[in-house]
Amino acid sequence: MNIRPFLSKDYMIILSMLLFAPIAGEINFYPVNETFRVSLGPPIFFLFLLFLRNTAAIVPGFFTAIAVVVFRVFLDTLHADFYWVDSFEIHYPTFFFYFTYSLLFSLAKVQRFHEQPLIIFLFGIIIEILADTAEFIAQYFAFGVMVTKDSIFQILLIAFSHSFIVLGVFSMMKLYETRSRELEIRKRNEHMLLLISNLYEESVHLKKTLQNSEDITSKVFGLYREMKRLQSEHMDQVNPHLEKISKRLLEISGEVHEIKKDNQRIFAGLSKLISNESYVDYIEIGQIIKMIVRTNEKYAQLLGKEIDFHYSIQGEHPPYHIYTHLSIINNLVANAVEAIDGKGMLTIRVKALGQTVEFRIEDDGPGIPDKHRALIFKPGFTSKFDHTGKPSTGIGLTYVHDMVDKLGGTVVYERGQGGKGSVFTIQLPMKNVVERE
């Protein structure tokens, strides 16, 4: 048996409507005086109808109308002087109110106006007035109840009050939904930006590899040409071994050149991907720092660490290139998170110094031993090992140093206050990290 239709959202809404609408109809308050009574039943009923998606309102409205009458008759059974016929005659006109309400709601297709709360507000007033009219007609035929000017005024005022309640609650729910959607979009965008910044970092490494490949190809081919020159100068002394070496040098040169071409294709693809996925290249520094903090707070939680993150921004800052700063600063912050043992504190300070921007990343971790200070920016150096004893790649700080150097800046490491922790200070010329006009 397929149970998915019974687990649909509309099914749960209808069940909730059948349960809560009759109960809410018995909850009343008196905003003006003791004779002016406002019930919560109609606004709750209206809200449930608004959130139906694939079900015509008239069907659940019909069953809710029956449920309201049955519930009110049930409450009457709790009194000693209960009579079935009298109780039913008193309450059955309510059926016409709820049924007419759902019928008009369905005919007007009010769900179409989910993004227009004021139109929903007006529909609520009109529909409730007509539903009250249907209930008064039933009461007229049952008890001969006559409509008076006071009752008409009361109907109008109650309809306005109910619709106002619906407008308020519905607007708050839509606001919450909008904020939740904005939060989800922000998370997705941040994830995309971090992903692109990682690709940007890899593209920088790849570009460096391309240059290395070009240099190696040039050197190997130069050796090959030198070997051929020597052979041509000593034609009378044929050396098969040298001939074999020169051929091998030519083969190596060709193989390295093929590797370079493959890397060029990968680099071109990465560059195109980064360009196509880029929502924005330059943003406010505060957004970049907040993104880094949020990301590393999650990273610290994943590692089971309790780290207090703090940041401060001083001076006037133009929008900075997001991927450059994300990749550089995030590398240092992530390193600090990994270095801190259990609990700790990490601070990011950003300061504008004329035409230079300074970043200081401070932590209270174990720091780097003095004997290793000269090696921290060397390729392959690492002081981090995983649970199996395997060292990390040791290219993070090398990347940071290379990027900062490429941008005409400086990066300096020093011990924290009292010889505890680490402080990395980066200074970059603003002209190299802001958008050029």
Protein backbone atom coordinates (compact mmCIF):
# COMPACT_ATOMS: atom_id res chain seq x y z
CA MET A 1 0.00 0.00 0.00
CA ASN A 2 1.34 3.42 -0.98
CA ILE A 3 1.29 5.61 2.15
CA ARG A 4 2.98 8.65 0.61
CA PRO A 5 -0.33 10.47 -0.14
CA PHE A 6 -1.22 10.14 3.56
CA LEU A 7 2.06 11.74 4.55
CA SER A 8 1.63 14.77 2.31
CA LYS A 9 1.69 18.30 3.69
CA ASP A 10 -1.99 18.94 2.86
CA TYR A 11 -3.02 15.82 4.74
CA MET A 12 -1.29 17.05 7.90
CA ILE A 13 -2.84 20.52 7.49
CA ILE A 14 -6.33 19.01 7.16
CA LEU A 15 -5.84 16.85 10.26
CA SER A 16 -4.63 19.87 12.20
CA MET A 17 -7.61 21.89 10.95
CA LEU A 18 -10.08 19.23 12.08
CA LEU A 19 -8.43 19.15 15.51
CA PHE A 20 -7.65 22.80 16.27
CA ALA A 21 -10.39 24.78 14.49
CA PRO A 22 -13.19 23.44 16.77
CA ILE A 23 -11.04 24.05 19.87
CA ALA A 24 -10.04 27.55 18.75
CA GLY A 25 -13.72 28.34 18.17
CA GLU A 26 -14.25 28.01 21.92
CA ILE A 27 -11.46 30.45 22.75
CA ASN A 28 -12.91 33.93 22.95
CA PHE A 29 -11.72 37.35 24.05
CA TYR A 30 -13.48 40.65 24.55
CA PRO A 31 -11.38 43.54 23.18
CA VAL A 32 -14.02 46.27 23.58
CA ASN A 33 -16.65 45.26 26.13
CA GLU A 34 -18.34 42.22 27.59
CA THR A 35 -20.82 41.93 24.71
CA PHE A 36 -18.33 42.22 21.84
CA ARG A 37 -16.87 38.73 21.56
CA VAL A 38 -14.09 37.73 19.14
CA SER A 39 -13.48 34.01 18.57
CA LEU A 40 -10.20 32.53 17.38
CA GLY A 41 -11.96 29.81 15.35
CA PRO A 42 -12.45 31.73 12.04
CA PRO A 43 -8.90 33.19 11.86
CA ILE A 44 -7.34 29.78 12.66
CA PHE A 45 -9.58 28.19 10.03
CA PHE A 46 -8.59 30.87 7.50
CA LEU A 47 -4.86 30.34 8.17
CA PHE A 48 -5.15 26.59 7.64
CA LEU A 49 -6.98 27.14 4.35
CA LEU A 50 -4.26 29.54 3.21
CA PHE A 51 -1.58 26.87 3.55
CA LEU A 52 -3.42 24.19 1.59
CA ARG A 53 -1.60 23.57 -1.68
CA ASN A 54 -3.17 20.76 -3.68
CA THR A 55 -6.56 20.28 -2.03
CA ALA A 56 -9.72 22.24 -2.78
CA ALA A 57 -10.71 24.18 0.36
CA ILE A 58 -14.36 23.09 0.15
CA VAL A 59 -13.63 19.44 1.06
CA PRO A 60 -11.70 20.02 4.31
CA GLY A 61 -14.04 22.96 5.00
CA PHE A 62 -17.07 20.64 4.86
CA PHE A 63 -15.56 18.18 7.34
CA THR A 64 -14.31 20.98 9.60
CA ALA A 65 -17.83 22.45 9.70
CA ILE A 66 -19.15 19.06 10.85
CA ALA A 67 -16.32 18.75 13.39
CA VAL A 68 -17.15 22.16 14.91
CA VAL A 69 -20.83 21.25 15.36
CA VAL A 70 -19.97 17.83 16.80
CA PHE A 71 -17.43 19.34 19.20
CA ARG A 72 -19.90 21.94 20.49
CA VAL A 73 -22.59 19.30 20.97
CA PHE A 74 -20.02 17.19 22.83
CA LEU A 75 -19.28 20.11 25.17
CA ASP A 76 -23.00 20.39 25.88
CA THR A 77 -23.07 16.76 27.01
CA LEU A 78 -20.95 17.80 29.96
CA HIS A 79 -23.91 19.76 31.36
CA ALA A 80 -26.59 18.09 33.46
CA ASP A 81 -29.52 19.54 31.50
CA PHE A 82 -28.29 18.27 28.13
CA TYR A 83 -30.74 17.42 25.34
CA TRP A 84 -29.52 16.16 21.97
CA VAL A 85 -32.20 17.86 19.89
CA ASP A 86 -31.90 21.22 21.60
CA SER A 87 -28.10 21.18 21.42
CA PHE A 88 -28.09 20.26 17.73
CA GLU A 89 -30.64 22.97 16.87
CA ILE A 90 -28.53 25.58 18.65
CA HIS A 91 -25.28 24.67 16.94
CA TYR A 92 -26.10 23.39 13.46
CA PRO A 93 -26.23 26.94 11.93
CA THR A 94 -22.47 27.12 12.64
CA PHE A 95 -22.05 24.44 9.99
CA PHE A 96 -23.22 26.89 7.33
CA PHE A 97 -20.71 29.50 8.49
CA TYR A 98 -17.67 27.24 8.07
CA PHE A 99 -18.95 25.50 4.95
CA THR A 100 -19.83 28.79 3.22
CA TYR A 101 -16.47 30.20 4.31
CA SER A 102 -14.56 27.33 2.66
CA LEU A 103 -16.80 27.41 -0.43
CA LEU A 104 -16.19 31.12 -1.04
CA PHE A 105 -12.48 30.71 -0.27
CA SER A 106 -12.27 27.95 -2.87
CA LEU A 107 -14.23 29.90 -5.51
CA ALA A 108 -12.10 33.02 -5.01
CA LYS A 109 -8.87 30.96 -5.12
CA VAL A 110 -7.38 33.05 -2.34
CA GLN A 111 -4.18 30.94 -2.34
CA ARG A 112 -3.12 32.82 -5.49
CA PHE A 113 -2.42 35.91 -3.40
CA HIS A 114 0.18 34.48 -1.01
CA GLU A 115 2.55 37.32 -1.85
CA GLN A 116 -0.15 40.00 -1.45
CA PRO A 117 -1.23 40.06 2.24
CA LEU A 118 -3.49 43.12 1.85
CA ILE A 119 -5.62 41.34 -0.76
CA ILE A 120 -5.86 38.34 1.58
CA PHE A 121 -6.96 40.76 4.32
CA LEU A 122 -9.77 42.15 2.12
CA PHE A 123 -10.87 38.69 1.03
CA GLY A 124 -10.98 37.63 4.67
CA ILE A 125 -13.39 40.47 5.52
CA ILE A 126 -15.68 39.85 2.54
CA ILE A 127 -15.75 36.05 2.94
CA GLU A 128 -16.47 36.22 6.66
CA ILE A 129 -19.32 38.72 6.17
CA LEU A 130 -20.94 36.40 3.59
CA ALA A 131 -20.34 33.35 5.82
CA ASP A 132 -21.96 35.18 8.76
CA THR A 133 -24.88 36.00 6.49
CA ALA A 134 -25.31 32.30 5.68
CA GLU A 135 -25.27 31.48 9.40
CA PHE A 136 -27.87 34.20 10.11
CA ILE A 137 -30.13 32.81 7.38
CA ALA A 138 -29.92 29.35 8.98
CA GLN A 139 -30.68 30.87 12.39
CA TYR A 140 -33.63 32.75 10.90
CA PHE A 141 -35.21 29.56 9.58
CA ALA A 142 -34.42 27.67 12.79
CA PHE A 143 -35.28 30.26 15.42
CA GLY A 144 -36.66 33.26 13.57
CA VAL A 145 -33.62 35.36 14.53
CA MET A 146 -33.77 38.79 12.91
CA VAL A 147 -30.81 40.83 11.73
CA THR A 148 -30.50 44.24 13.39
CA LYS A 149 -28.30 47.27 12.74
CA ASP A 150 -26.28 46.43 15.82
CA SER A 151 -25.71 42.86 14.65
CA ILE A 152 -24.66 44.09 11.18
CA PHE A 153 -22.17 46.50 12.74
CA GLN A 154 -20.91 43.71 14.99
CA ILE A 155 -20.47 41.37 12.02
CA LEU A 156 -18.43 44.00 10.18
CA LEU A 157 -16.26 44.72 13.20
CA ILE A 158 -15.66 41.05 13.98
CA ALA A 159 -14.83 40.29 10.33
CA PHE A 160 -12.32 43.14 10.37
CA SER A 161 -10.82 41.90 13.66
CA HIS A 162 -10.50 38.32 12.43
CA SER A 163 -8.88 39.39 9.16
CA PHE A 164 -6.52 41.67 11.05
CA ILE A 165 -5.44 38.72 13.21
CA VAL A 166 -4.91 36.60 10.10
CA LEU A 167 -2.95 39.40 8.42
CA GLY A 168 -0.65 39.74 11.43
CA VAL A 169 0.00 36.03 11.91
CA PHE A 170 0.33 35.36 8.17
CA SER A 171 2.74 38.27 7.72
CA MET A 172 4.91 37.03 10.59
CA MET A 173 4.95 33.54 9.12
CA LYS A 174 5.87 34.89 5.67
CA LEU A 175 8.57 37.05 7.26
CA TYR A 176 9.99 34.02 9.05
CA GLU A 177 9.84 32.02 5.82
CA THR A 178 11.58 34.84 3.93
CA ARG A 179 14.32 35.13 6.54
CA SER A 180 14.80 31.36 6.56
CA ARG A 181 15.07 31.40 2.77
CA GLU A 182 17.54 34.29 2.88
CA LEU A 183 19.62 32.42 5.47
CA GLU A 184 19.63 29.31 3.29
CA ILE A 185 20.60 31.34 0.22
CA ARG A 186 23.36 33.05 2.19
CA LYS A 187 24.69 29.69 3.34
CA ARG A 188 24.66 28.36 -0.21
CA ASN A 189 26.38 31.49 -1.52
CA GLU A 190 29.01 31.33 1.22
CA HIS A 191 29.61 27.67 0.46
CA MET A 192 29.97 28.53 -3.23
CA LEU A 193 32.33 31.42 -2.49
CA LEU A 194 34.50 29.23 -0.25
CA LEU A 195 34.52 26.52 -2.89
CA ILE A 196 35.54 29.03 -5.55
CA SER A 197 38.24 30.44 -3.26
CA ASN A 198 39.63 26.90 -2.90
CA LEU A 199 39.57 26.52 -6.67
CA TYR A 200 41.25 29.91 -6.93
CA GLU A 201 43.99 28.70 -4.58
CA GLU A 202 44.44 25.51 -6.60
CA SER A 203 44.59 27.53 -9.82
CA VAL A 204 47.43 29.59 -8.32
CA HIS A 205 49.33 26.40 -7.50
CA LEU A 206 48.61 25.07 -10.97
CA LYS A 207 49.78 28.28 -12.62
CA LYS A 208 53.04 27.97 -10.70
CA THR A 209 53.33 24.35 -11.86
CA LEU A 210 52.83 25.50 -15.44
CA GLN A 211 55.75 27.87 -15.09
CA ASN A 212 57.86 25.13 -13.54
CA SER A 213 56.95 22.79 -16.39
CA GLU A 214 57.95 25.44 -18.90
CA ASP A 215 61.28 25.96 -17.12
CA ILE A 216 61.98 22.21 -16.95
CA THR A 217 61.10 21.76 -20.62
CA SER A 218 63.39 24.62 -21.56
CA LYS A 219 66.27 23.26 -19.45
CA VAL A 220 65.95 19.69 -20.69
CA PHE A 221 65.68 20.81 -24.29
CA GLY A 222 68.72 23.05 -23.71
CA LEU A 223 70.68 20.02 -22.50
CA TYR A 224 69.56 18.10 -25.57
CA ARG A 225 70.78 20.87 -27.87
CA GLU A 226 74.09 21.06 -26.00
CA MET A 227 74.54 17.32 -26.37
CA LYS A 228 73.83 17.55 -30.11
CA ARG A 229 76.33 20.42 -30.42
CA LEU A 230 79.03 18.43 -28.68
CA GLN A 231 78.33 15.46 -30.90
CA SER A 232 78.55 17.59 -34.05
CA GLU A 233 81.89 19.03 -32.88
CA HIS A 234 83.33 15.55 -32.29
CA MET A 235 82.00 13.65 -35.26
CA ASP A 236 85.22 11.62 -35.39
CA GLN A 237 84.51 10.30 -31.86
CA VAL A 238 81.07 8.71 -32.11
CA ASN A 239 79.76 7.78 -28.68
CA PRO A 240 76.62 5.58 -28.75
CA HIS A 241 76.05 6.22 -25.07
CA LEU A 242 75.87 10.00 -25.58
CA GLU A 243 73.54 9.50 -28.56
CA LYS A 244 71.24 7.42 -26.35
CA ILE A 245 71.29 10.10 -23.62
CA SER A 246 70.50 12.89 -26.08
CA LYS A 247 67.50 10.96 -27.43
CA ARG A 248 66.29 10.34 -23.90
CA LEU A 249 66.61 14.05 -23.10
CA LEU A 250 64.49 14.86 -26.15
CA GLU A 251 61.85 12.32 -25.02
CA ILE A 252 61.79 13.78 -21.50
CA SER A 253 61.44 17.27 -22.93
CA GLY A 254 58.47 16.13 -25.02
CA GLU A 255 56.83 14.32 -22.06
CA VAL A 256 57.15 17.36 -19.79
CA HIS A 257 55.72 19.49 -22.60
CA GLU A 258 52.70 17.15 -22.80
CA ILE A 259 52.22 17.45 -19.04
CA LYS A 260 52.35 21.22 -19.41
CA LYS A 261 49.68 21.12 -22.14
CA ASP A 262 47.42 18.94 -19.95
CA ASN A 263 47.90 21.35 -17.06
CA GLN A 264 47.10 24.27 -19.33
CA ARG A 265 43.77 22.68 -20.26
CA ILE A 266 42.98 22.08 -16.57
CA PHE A 267 44.01 25.64 -15.71
CA ALA A 268 41.82 27.04 -18.51
CA GLY A 269 38.86 24.99 -17.23
CA LEU A 270 39.39 26.15 -13.65
CA SER A 271 39.71 29.78 -14.73
CA LYS A 272 36.50 29.54 -16.74
CA LEU A 273 34.67 27.84 -13.86
CA ILE A 274 35.79 30.50 -11.38
CA SER A 275 34.75 33.26 -13.77
CA ASN A 276 31.35 31.68 -14.53
CA GLU A 277 30.49 30.88 -10.90
CA SER A 278 31.61 34.25 -9.54
CA TYR A 279 28.62 36.11 -8.12
CA VAL A 280 30.77 39.03 -7.11
CA ASP A 281 34.53 39.53 -7.14
CA TYR A 282 34.85 42.45 -4.70
CA ILE A 283 32.93 42.75 -1.43
CA GLU A 284 33.17 44.54 1.92
CA ILE A 285 35.89 43.28 4.23
CA GLY A 286 33.38 42.83 7.05
CA GLN A 287 31.48 40.25 4.98
CA ILE A 288 34.69 38.37 4.20
CA ILE A 289 35.76 38.23 7.86
CA LYS A 290 32.31 37.18 9.06
CA MET A 291 32.26 34.41 6.47
CA ILE A 292 35.68 33.18 7.61
CA VAL A 293 34.61 33.26 11.26
CA ARG A 294 31.36 31.36 10.61
CA THR A 295 33.17 28.73 8.55
CA ASN A 296 35.88 28.16 11.15
CA GLU A 297 33.41 28.10 14.04
CA LYS A 298 31.84 25.10 12.30
CA TYR A 299 35.30 23.65 11.64
CA ALA A 300 36.20 23.99 15.34
CA GLN A 301 32.96 22.25 16.34
CA LEU A 302 33.73 19.47 13.87
CA LEU A 303 37.12 18.99 15.54
CA GLY A 304 35.47 18.99 18.97
CA LYS A 305 37.14 22.24 20.07
CA GLU A 306 35.78 25.22 21.99
CA ILE A 307 37.27 28.30 20.38
CA ASP A 308 36.14 31.87 20.98
CA PHE A 309 36.39 33.91 17.78
CA HIS A 310 36.80 37.68 17.86
CA TYR A 311 37.42 40.21 15.13
CA SER A 312 37.79 43.95 14.74
CA ILE A 313 37.94 46.24 11.71
CA GLN A 314 39.50 49.70 11.94
CA GLY A 315 39.56 52.46 9.36
CA GLU A 316 37.87 52.95 6.01
CA HIS A 317 38.14 50.02 3.62
CA PRO A 318 37.17 49.74 -0.05
CA PRO A 319 35.71 46.43 -1.32
CA TYR A 320 38.48 43.82 -1.58
CA HIS A 321 38.97 40.90 -3.98
CA ILE A 322 37.08 38.15 -2.20
CA TYR A 323 38.92 35.04 -3.38
CA THR A 324 42.38 36.40 -2.67
CA HIS A 325 41.48 37.34 0.90
CA LEU A 326 39.34 34.28 1.57
CA SER A 327 42.12 31.94 0.52
CA ILE A 328 44.93 33.81 2.34
CA ILE A 329 43.18 34.65 5.63
CA ASN A 330 41.21 31.41 5.78
CA ASN A 331 44.44 29.42 5.44
CA LEU A 332 45.92 31.13 8.49
CA VAL A 333 42.71 30.95 10.55
CA ALA A 334 42.18 27.25 9.73
CA ASN A 335 45.81 26.56 10.72
CA ALA A 336 45.19 28.28 14.05
CA VAL A 337 42.01 26.26 14.65
CA GLU A 338 43.95 23.05 14.00
CA ALA A 339 46.82 24.14 16.25
CA ILE A 340 44.70 25.10 19.29
CA ASP A 341 44.39 22.21 21.72
CA GLY A 342 40.84 21.81 23.05
CA LYS A 343 39.91 25.33 24.15
CA GLY A 344 41.29 28.62 23.01
CA MET A 345 40.78 32.05 21.52
CA LEU A 346 41.38 33.37 18.03
CA THR A 347 41.32 37.03 16.99
CA ILE A 348 41.33 38.61 13.54
CA ARG A 349 42.25 42.30 13.36
CA VAL A 350 41.95 44.34 10.18
CA LYS A 351 43.36 47.85 10.03
CA ALA A 352 43.66 50.41 7.25
CA LEU A 353 47.11 52.03 7.26
CA GLY A 354 46.96 54.72 4.59
CA GLN A 355 47.40 52.89 1.28
CA THR A 356 48.07 49.57 3.04
CA VAL A 357 45.73 47.07 4.69
CA GLU A 358 46.99 45.04 7.64
CA PHE A 359 45.64 41.69 8.85
CA ARG A 360 46.66 40.19 12.20
CA ILE A 361 45.63 36.64 13.05
CA GLU A 362 46.33 35.88 16.70
CA ASP A 363 45.75 32.66 18.63
CA ASP A 364 46.68 31.29 22.03
CA GLY A 365 47.74 27.86 20.77
CA PRO A 366 51.13 26.22 21.32
CA GLY A 367 52.82 28.36 18.65
CA ILE A 368 55.74 27.35 16.44
CA PRO A 369 59.10 26.49 18.09
CA ASP A 370 61.83 29.07 17.49
CA LYS A 371 64.03 26.49 15.77
CA HIS A 372 61.41 26.15 13.03
CA ARG A 373 60.74 29.86 12.44
CA ALA A 374 63.07 30.03 9.45
CA LEU A 375 61.29 27.06 7.83
CA ILE A 376 57.59 27.87 8.24
CA PHE A 377 57.17 29.32 4.75
CA LYS A 378 59.25 26.62 3.04
CA PRO A 379 57.39 24.09 0.84
CA GLY A 380 56.65 20.86 2.71
CA PHE A 381 57.28 22.19 6.23
CA THR A 382 54.58 21.15 8.68
CA SER A 383 54.16 20.61 12.40
CA LYS A 384 50.72 18.99 12.05
CA PHE A 385 50.09 15.26 11.97
CA ASP A 386 46.81 13.35 11.83
CA HIS A 387 45.75 10.56 14.21
CA THR A 388 47.72 8.01 12.15
CA GLY A 389 50.91 10.08 12.34
CA LYS A 390 50.69 11.17 8.72
CA PRO A 391 51.93 14.76 8.21
CA SER A 392 49.91 17.41 6.37
CA THR A 393 51.02 18.63 2.95
CA GLY A 394 52.76 21.72 4.31
CA ILE A 395 51.77 23.93 1.38
CA GLY A 396 49.28 26.23 3.15
CA LEU A 397 51.79 28.71 4.55
CA THR A 398 53.87 28.46 1.39
CA TYR A 399 50.82 29.47 -0.61
CA VAL A 400 50.14 32.37 1.77
CA HIS A 401 53.74 33.58 1.48
CA ASP A 402 53.77 33.27 -2.32
CA MET A 403 50.43 35.07 -2.76
CA VAL A 404 51.38 37.89 -0.39
CA ASP A 405 54.73 38.26 -2.15
CA LYS A 406 53.02 38.27 -5.54
CA LEU A 407 50.72 41.08 -4.35
CA GLY A 408 53.70 43.15 -3.20
CA GLY A 409 53.03 42.64 0.48
CA THR A 410 54.71 41.10 3.51
CA VAL A 411 53.83 38.33 5.94
CA VAL A 412 55.56 38.05 9.31
CA TYR A 413 55.29 35.45 12.04
CA GLU A 414 55.95 36.17 15.72
CA ARG A 415 55.13 34.77 19.11
CA GLY A 416 52.08 36.04 20.96
CA GLN A 417 52.17 38.00 24.20
CA GLY A 418 54.17 36.26 26.92
CA GLY A 419 55.66 33.91 24.34
CA LYS A 420 52.35 32.05 23.97
CA GLY A 421 50.47 31.44 20.77
CA SER A 422 51.11 32.71 17.25
CA VAL A 423 50.64 36.02 15.48
CA PHE A 424 50.71 36.31 11.71
CA THR A 425 50.78 39.86 10.37
CA ILE A 426 50.08 40.49 6.70
CA GLN A 427 50.38 43.86 5.02
CA LEU A 428 49.11 44.34 1.46
CA PRO A 429 49.10 47.41 -0.79
CA MET A 430 45.45 48.34 -1.26
CA LYS A 431 45.98 49.15 -4.94
CA ASN A 432 46.77 45.46 -5.60
CA VAL A 433 43.69 44.00 -3.88
CA VAL A 434 40.91 46.42 -4.87
CA GLU A 435 39.06 46.74 -8.14
CA ARG A 436 40.87 48.82 -10.71
CA GLU A 437 38.81 51.53 -12.38
